[in-house]
Amino acid sequence: MILGIVIAVAVIVIIGVARSVKIIREYQRIVLFRLGRAIGLRGPGIVFINPITDRTTLVDLREQYLEIPHQTAITKDNAPISIDFIIFYKVVDPSMSVLTVQNFAGAALNLAATTLRSVVGDMPLDDVLSKREDMNASLRVRLDDVTERWGVKVTSVEVREVNPPPGVLEAMTRQMSAERTRRAQVTEAEGQKSAAILSAEGEAQAAINLAEGRQKATILAAEADRQSAILRAEGYARGLEKVLVVAQTLDQKTMVLQYLDTLKQVGTSASTKIVVPMEILDGLRNLLPGAELPAAGAKHSSS
């Protein structure tokens, strides 16, 4: 009997000690209630409580997410659209998150649905489809304004899927096809334009190169002619210089012989009259003292 009582007391003590000691992790806090009144936060580490008078609520401080299922909203231009998104949040005031809202997940779900309809109702369909970043920012700001009083901070909102109605999808498909066709035509036109420009530039450069080649060829030909004329003139001048030097060494007899050779060549011509210079007759008299020669200025005819 006594042993049973001792065992029962030991069990009660062990259970009491186990309920009196709590180990709180770094990312957790507990809101401590004593006799129904909140007396503050405890943790992290080992926390001792009175299991008879104290009650605790565990709060996770890590960032968490909440998936909002597909919600149907009507855009500013009266187009029904289905959207689902994700809310990322974290508790910044554990006491407020416990004392001011009973079920944060349920409250946030309903708040997100109403806020989504409000945001989408202020945007046309094209903006809803193309400006997700603006819609995400607007949803985050509006949700955070409400959850702030709950001690919860909405860190981010990400729209995951947007499903427009079938008619809008068909129109979008046609528009996309037309846009791609337009881009293809623009790209082709730009390609043709670039090709034409390159071709024209190539022809212009070829013409410039041809003109420069002709100009250089003309310059080279003119330079060659000039050099040739200079060389011919120099050769002629040197020839005259040599003739002058040789002529200075000739005596009168040599000049008479040269005159006779010239007369021989003249005699072979078809002319019937030959004019003999007086200098030749004077030279012949000196060369042939006994010969009979005509007087100076006489004319000799040959048949």
Protein backbone atom coordinates (compact mmCIF):
# COMPACT_ATOMS: atom_id res chain seq x y z
CA MET A 1 0.00 0.00 0.00
CA ILE A 2 2.71 2.39 1.03
CA LEU A 3 4.79 1.37 -1.96
CA GLY A 4 1.92 2.15 -4.29
CA ILE A 5 1.48 5.56 -2.72
CA VAL A 6 5.18 6.30 -3.10
CA ILE A 7 5.13 5.25 -6.72
CA ALA A 8 2.06 7.41 -7.41
CA VAL A 9 3.68 10.41 -5.77
CA ALA A 10 6.88 9.85 -7.76
CA VAL A 11 4.93 9.66 -11.00
CA ILE A 12 3.08 12.88 -10.16
CA VAL A 13 6.35 14.61 -9.31
CA ILE A 14 7.94 13.43 -12.55
CA ILE A 15 4.95 14.58 -14.60
CA GLY A 16 4.95 17.92 -12.76
CA VAL A 17 8.64 18.45 -13.37
CA ALA A 18 8.23 17.48 -17.03
CA ARG A 19 5.41 19.98 -17.41
CA SER A 20 7.30 22.63 -15.51
CA VAL A 21 10.35 22.55 -17.75
CA LYS A 22 10.16 23.55 -21.41
CA ILE A 23 12.99 23.79 -23.92
CA ILE A 24 12.41 26.60 -26.41
CA ARG A 25 14.39 26.63 -29.68
CA GLU A 26 16.12 29.71 -31.05
CA TYR A 27 13.39 30.39 -33.63
CA GLN A 28 10.55 29.92 -31.12
CA ARG A 29 8.94 31.95 -28.37
CA ILE A 30 6.18 31.17 -25.91
CA VAL A 31 3.54 33.59 -24.73
CA LEU A 32 3.03 32.87 -21.02
CA PHE A 33 -0.40 33.17 -19.45
CA ARG A 34 -0.74 33.02 -15.64
CA LEU A 35 -4.25 32.62 -14.32
CA GLY A 36 -5.49 33.77 -17.72
CA ARG A 37 -3.37 36.91 -17.96
CA ALA A 38 -0.54 37.35 -20.44
CA ILE A 39 2.63 38.08 -18.50
CA GLY A 40 5.12 38.14 -21.36
CA LEU A 41 7.36 36.09 -23.59
CA ARG A 42 9.75 33.32 -22.65
CA GLY A 43 12.60 31.74 -24.57
CA PRO A 44 14.78 30.65 -26.13
CA GLY A 45 16.41 28.06 -23.88
CA ILE A 46 15.06 26.35 -20.73
CA VAL A 47 11.91 27.90 -19.31
CA PHE A 48 10.37 26.93 -15.96
CA ILE A 49 6.65 27.37 -15.47
CA ASN A 50 4.04 26.47 -12.91
CA PRO A 51 1.95 23.74 -14.49
CA ILE A 52 -0.97 24.53 -12.20
CA THR A 53 -1.35 28.29 -12.87
CA ASP A 54 0.53 28.82 -16.14
CA ARG A 55 -0.46 28.14 -19.72
CA THR A 56 1.71 28.71 -22.80
CA THR A 57 1.24 29.31 -26.52
CA LEU A 58 4.14 28.48 -28.82
CA VAL A 59 4.92 30.96 -31.64
CA ASP A 60 7.23 30.25 -34.60
CA LEU A 61 9.32 33.27 -35.68
CA ARG A 62 10.53 31.80 -38.98
CA GLU A 63 9.25 33.11 -42.30
CA GLN A 64 6.32 31.05 -43.50
CA TYR A 65 4.08 30.97 -46.53
CA LEU A 66 0.39 30.66 -47.16
CA GLU A 67 -1.01 29.39 -50.46
CA ILE A 68 -4.10 31.21 -51.65
CA PRO A 69 -6.12 28.97 -53.98
CA HIS A 70 -7.61 30.19 -57.27
CA GLN A 71 -9.77 33.27 -56.76
CA THR A 72 -12.04 34.71 -59.43
CA ALA A 73 -11.85 38.47 -59.85
CA ILE A 74 -13.18 40.96 -62.39
CA THR A 75 -10.78 43.43 -63.97
CA LYS A 76 -11.40 47.11 -64.57
CA ASP A 77 -12.54 46.36 -68.13
CA ASN A 78 -15.03 43.70 -66.88
CA ALA A 79 -13.01 40.60 -67.80
CA PRO A 80 -13.33 37.66 -65.35
CA ILE A 81 -9.98 36.16 -64.43
CA SER A 82 -8.76 33.42 -62.09
CA ILE A 83 -5.63 34.03 -60.01
CA ASP A 84 -3.77 32.10 -57.34
CA PHE A 85 -0.80 33.41 -55.37
CA ILE A 86 1.43 32.84 -52.36
CA ILE A 87 1.87 35.04 -49.29
CA PHE A 88 5.18 35.00 -47.42
CA TYR A 89 5.00 36.32 -43.85
CA LYS A 90 6.75 36.22 -40.50
CA VAL A 91 5.72 37.01 -36.94
CA VAL A 92 7.37 40.17 -35.63
CA ASP A 93 5.36 40.48 -32.39
CA PRO A 94 4.55 37.07 -30.85
CA SER A 95 2.27 38.53 -28.22
CA MET A 96 0.16 40.46 -30.73
CA SER A 97 -0.06 37.43 -33.03
CA VAL A 98 -1.61 35.42 -30.18
CA LEU A 99 -3.75 38.11 -28.51
CA THR A 100 -5.22 39.92 -31.53
CA VAL A 101 -6.14 37.14 -33.98
CA GLN A 102 -7.54 33.71 -33.29
CA ASN A 103 -6.59 31.94 -36.53
CA PHE A 104 -4.11 33.86 -38.60
CA ALA A 105 -4.13 31.42 -41.51
CA GLY A 106 -7.92 31.58 -41.93
CA ALA A 107 -7.99 35.35 -41.45
CA ALA A 108 -5.17 35.85 -43.95
CA LEU A 109 -6.89 33.62 -46.50
CA ASN A 110 -10.10 35.64 -46.43
CA LEU A 111 -8.21 38.93 -46.32
CA ALA A 112 -6.14 37.92 -49.35
CA ALA A 113 -9.25 36.99 -51.35
CA THR A 114 -10.95 40.32 -50.74
CA THR A 115 -7.74 42.29 -51.28
CA LEU A 116 -7.10 40.49 -54.58
CA ARG A 117 -10.52 41.43 -55.90
CA SER A 118 -9.94 45.03 -54.88
CA VAL A 119 -6.52 45.24 -56.57
CA VAL A 120 -7.58 43.46 -59.77
CA GLY A 121 -10.70 45.61 -60.00
CA ASP A 122 -8.47 48.69 -60.33
CA MET A 123 -6.40 47.22 -63.21
CA PRO A 124 -7.30 46.48 -66.85
CA LEU A 125 -6.76 42.96 -68.15
CA ASP A 126 -3.62 43.86 -70.09
CA ASP A 127 -2.00 45.25 -66.94
CA VAL A 128 -2.98 42.18 -64.92
CA LEU A 129 -1.29 39.96 -67.50
CA SER A 130 1.80 42.08 -68.10
CA LYS A 131 2.44 43.96 -64.84
CA ARG A 132 2.64 41.22 -62.24
CA GLU A 133 5.32 43.05 -60.28
CA ASP A 134 3.02 46.03 -59.80
CA MET A 135 0.17 43.75 -58.75
CA ASN A 136 2.43 41.86 -56.33
CA ALA A 137 3.60 45.10 -54.75
CA SER A 138 0.05 46.43 -54.41
CA LEU A 139 -1.17 43.19 -52.80
CA ARG A 140 1.76 43.14 -50.38
CA VAL A 141 1.20 46.74 -49.26
CA ARG A 142 -2.54 46.29 -48.71
CA LEU A 143 -2.17 42.99 -46.88
CA ASP A 144 0.63 44.33 -44.71
CA ASP A 145 -1.49 47.32 -43.67
CA VAL A 146 -4.00 44.89 -42.13
CA THR A 147 -1.67 42.21 -40.75
CA GLU A 148 0.53 44.80 -39.05
CA ARG A 149 -2.00 45.10 -36.22
CA TRP A 150 -1.77 41.32 -35.78
CA GLY A 151 1.98 41.47 -35.22
CA VAL A 152 2.64 39.81 -38.57
CA LYS A 153 4.74 41.24 -41.40
CA VAL A 154 3.89 40.31 -45.00
CA THR A 155 7.33 40.10 -46.63
CA SER A 156 6.33 39.20 -50.17
CA VAL A 157 3.39 38.30 -52.42
CA GLU A 158 3.93 36.28 -55.58
CA VAL A 159 1.20 35.72 -58.16
CA ARG A 160 1.68 32.17 -59.34
CA GLU A 161 -0.86 31.66 -62.12
CA VAL A 162 -3.27 33.88 -64.04
CA ASN A 163 -6.00 32.18 -66.08
CA PRO A 164 -7.99 34.49 -68.37
CA PRO A 165 -11.28 33.25 -69.89
CA PRO A 166 -11.16 31.10 -73.09
CA GLY A 167 -12.28 33.96 -75.36
CA VAL A 168 -9.52 36.17 -74.06
CA LEU A 169 -7.00 33.36 -74.49
CA GLU A 170 -8.03 32.94 -78.13
CA ALA A 171 -7.73 36.67 -78.76
CA MET A 172 -4.33 36.70 -77.07
CA THR A 173 -3.19 33.83 -79.28
CA ARG A 174 -4.24 35.70 -82.42
CA GLN A 175 -2.59 38.86 -81.17
CA MET A 176 0.61 36.97 -80.40
CA SER A 177 0.61 35.42 -83.86
CA ALA A 178 0.08 38.80 -85.50
CA GLU A 179 2.84 40.33 -83.38
CA ARG A 180 5.27 37.58 -84.35
CA THR A 181 4.38 38.03 -88.02
CA ARG A 182 4.97 41.77 -87.69
CA ARG A 183 8.31 41.22 -86.00
CA ALA A 184 9.34 38.77 -88.70
CA GLN A 185 8.46 41.31 -91.41
CA VAL A 186 10.31 44.07 -89.58
CA THR A 187 13.34 41.85 -89.14
CA GLU A 188 13.28 40.89 -92.81
CA ALA A 189 12.93 44.52 -93.88
CA GLU A 190 15.80 45.54 -91.63
CA GLY A 191 17.90 42.73 -93.08
CA GLN A 192 17.18 43.87 -96.63
CA LYS A 193 17.94 47.45 -95.66
CA SER A 194 21.25 46.46 -94.08
CA ALA A 195 22.12 44.34 -97.14
CA ALA A 196 21.31 47.24 -99.50
CA ILE A 197 23.39 49.62 -97.41
CA LEU A 198 26.32 47.24 -97.34
CA SER A 199 26.03 46.64 -101.08
CA ALA A 200 25.94 50.38 -101.79
CA GLU A 201 28.89 50.97 -99.49
CA GLY A 202 30.78 48.16 -101.23
CA GLU A 203 30.08 49.62 -104.68
CA ALA A 204 31.07 53.08 -103.51
CA GLN A 205 34.29 51.76 -102.03
CA ALA A 206 35.01 49.80 -105.22
CA ALA A 207 34.45 52.95 -107.30
CA ILE A 208 36.75 54.90 -104.99
CA ASN A 209 39.42 52.21 -105.21
CA LEU A 210 39.08 52.12 -109.02
CA ALA A 211 39.37 55.91 -109.27
CA GLU A 212 42.36 55.92 -106.95
CA GLY A 213 43.95 53.14 -109.04
CA ARG A 214 43.41 55.09 -112.25
CA GLN A 215 44.76 58.23 -110.66
CA LYS A 216 47.88 56.44 -109.46
CA ALA A 217 48.31 54.82 -112.90
CA THR A 218 48.03 58.24 -114.60
CA ILE A 219 50.51 59.73 -112.16
CA LEU A 220 52.94 56.87 -112.71
CA ALA A 221 52.57 57.15 -116.52
CA ALA A 222 53.13 60.90 -116.39
CA GLU A 223 56.15 60.39 -114.15
CA ALA A 224 57.51 57.78 -116.57
CA ASP A 225 57.03 60.17 -119.52
CA ARG A 226 58.73 62.94 -117.60
CA GLN A 227 61.67 60.73 -116.68
CA SER A 228 61.90 59.51 -120.30
CA ALA A 229 61.87 63.08 -121.63
CA ILE A 230 64.54 64.05 -119.10
CA LEU A 231 66.70 61.11 -120.11
CA ARG A 232 66.26 61.88 -123.85
CA ALA A 233 67.13 65.51 -123.26
CA GLU A 234 70.15 64.56 -121.18
CA GLY A 235 71.25 62.10 -123.92
CA TYR A 236 70.85 64.72 -126.63
CA ALA A 237 72.72 67.30 -124.57
CA ARG A 238 75.57 64.85 -123.91
CA GLY A 239 75.67 64.01 -127.65
CA LEU A 240 75.96 67.69 -128.53
CA GLU A 241 78.66 68.10 -125.94
CA LYS A 242 80.63 65.23 -127.50
CA VAL A 243 80.08 66.64 -131.04
CA LEU A 244 81.31 69.99 -129.82
CA VAL A 245 84.37 68.42 -128.24
CA VAL A 246 85.16 66.41 -131.38
CA ALA A 247 84.51 69.42 -133.66
CA GLN A 248 87.07 71.44 -131.73
CA THR A 249 89.74 68.83 -132.55
CA LEU A 250 89.08 68.72 -136.32
CA ASP A 251 91.40 70.50 -138.79
CA GLN A 252 90.44 72.01 -142.17
CA LYS A 253 91.26 68.89 -144.20
CA THR A 254 89.05 66.73 -142.06
CA MET A 255 86.19 69.21 -142.46
CA VAL A 256 86.69 69.13 -146.28
CA LEU A 257 86.51 65.34 -146.27
CA GLN A 258 83.31 65.53 -144.20
CA TYR A 259 81.89 68.06 -146.71
CA LEU A 260 82.80 65.72 -149.59
CA ASP A 261 81.09 62.80 -147.91
CA THR A 262 78.01 64.95 -147.42
CA LEU A 263 78.10 66.01 -151.09
CA LYS A 264 78.33 62.37 -152.09
CA GLN A 265 75.15 61.63 -150.20
CA VAL A 266 73.46 64.70 -151.66
CA GLY A 267 74.49 63.59 -155.16
CA THR A 268 72.48 60.43 -154.87
CA SER A 269 69.30 62.47 -154.56
CA ALA A 270 66.97 63.28 -157.50
CA SER A 271 67.91 66.99 -157.54
CA THR A 272 69.64 68.34 -160.71
CA LYS A 273 71.20 71.32 -159.02
CA ILE A 274 73.79 71.24 -156.29
CA VAL A 275 74.94 74.31 -154.44
CA VAL A 276 78.49 73.94 -153.14
CA PRO A 277 79.41 76.24 -150.24
CA MET A 278 82.38 78.47 -150.76
CA GLU A 279 84.07 77.01 -147.67
CA ILE A 280 84.33 73.64 -149.50
CA LEU A 281 86.03 75.22 -152.55
CA ASP A 282 88.51 77.01 -150.32
CA GLY A 283 89.24 73.77 -148.56
CA LEU A 284 89.70 71.89 -151.84
CA ARG A 285 92.16 74.52 -153.13
CA ASN A 286 94.19 74.03 -149.99
CA LEU A 287 93.92 70.25 -150.30
CA LEU A 288 94.58 70.14 -154.10
CA PRO A 289 96.80 73.12 -154.98
CA GLY A 290 97.09 72.29 -158.68
CA ALA A 291 93.46 71.51 -159.39
CA GLU A 292 91.18 73.80 -161.42
CA LEU A 293 88.14 74.66 -159.37
CA PRO A 294 85.24 77.01 -160.20
CA ALA A 295 85.13 80.38 -158.73
CA ALA A 296 83.24 81.06 -155.53
CA GLY A 297 79.52 81.41 -156.10
CA ALA A 298 79.49 79.41 -159.38
CA LYS A 299 76.71 76.91 -159.96
CA HIS A 300 77.32 73.41 -161.31
CA SER A 301 74.68 71.44 -163.09
CA SER A 302 74.63 67.72 -163.57
CA SER A 303 72.38 65.73 -165.75
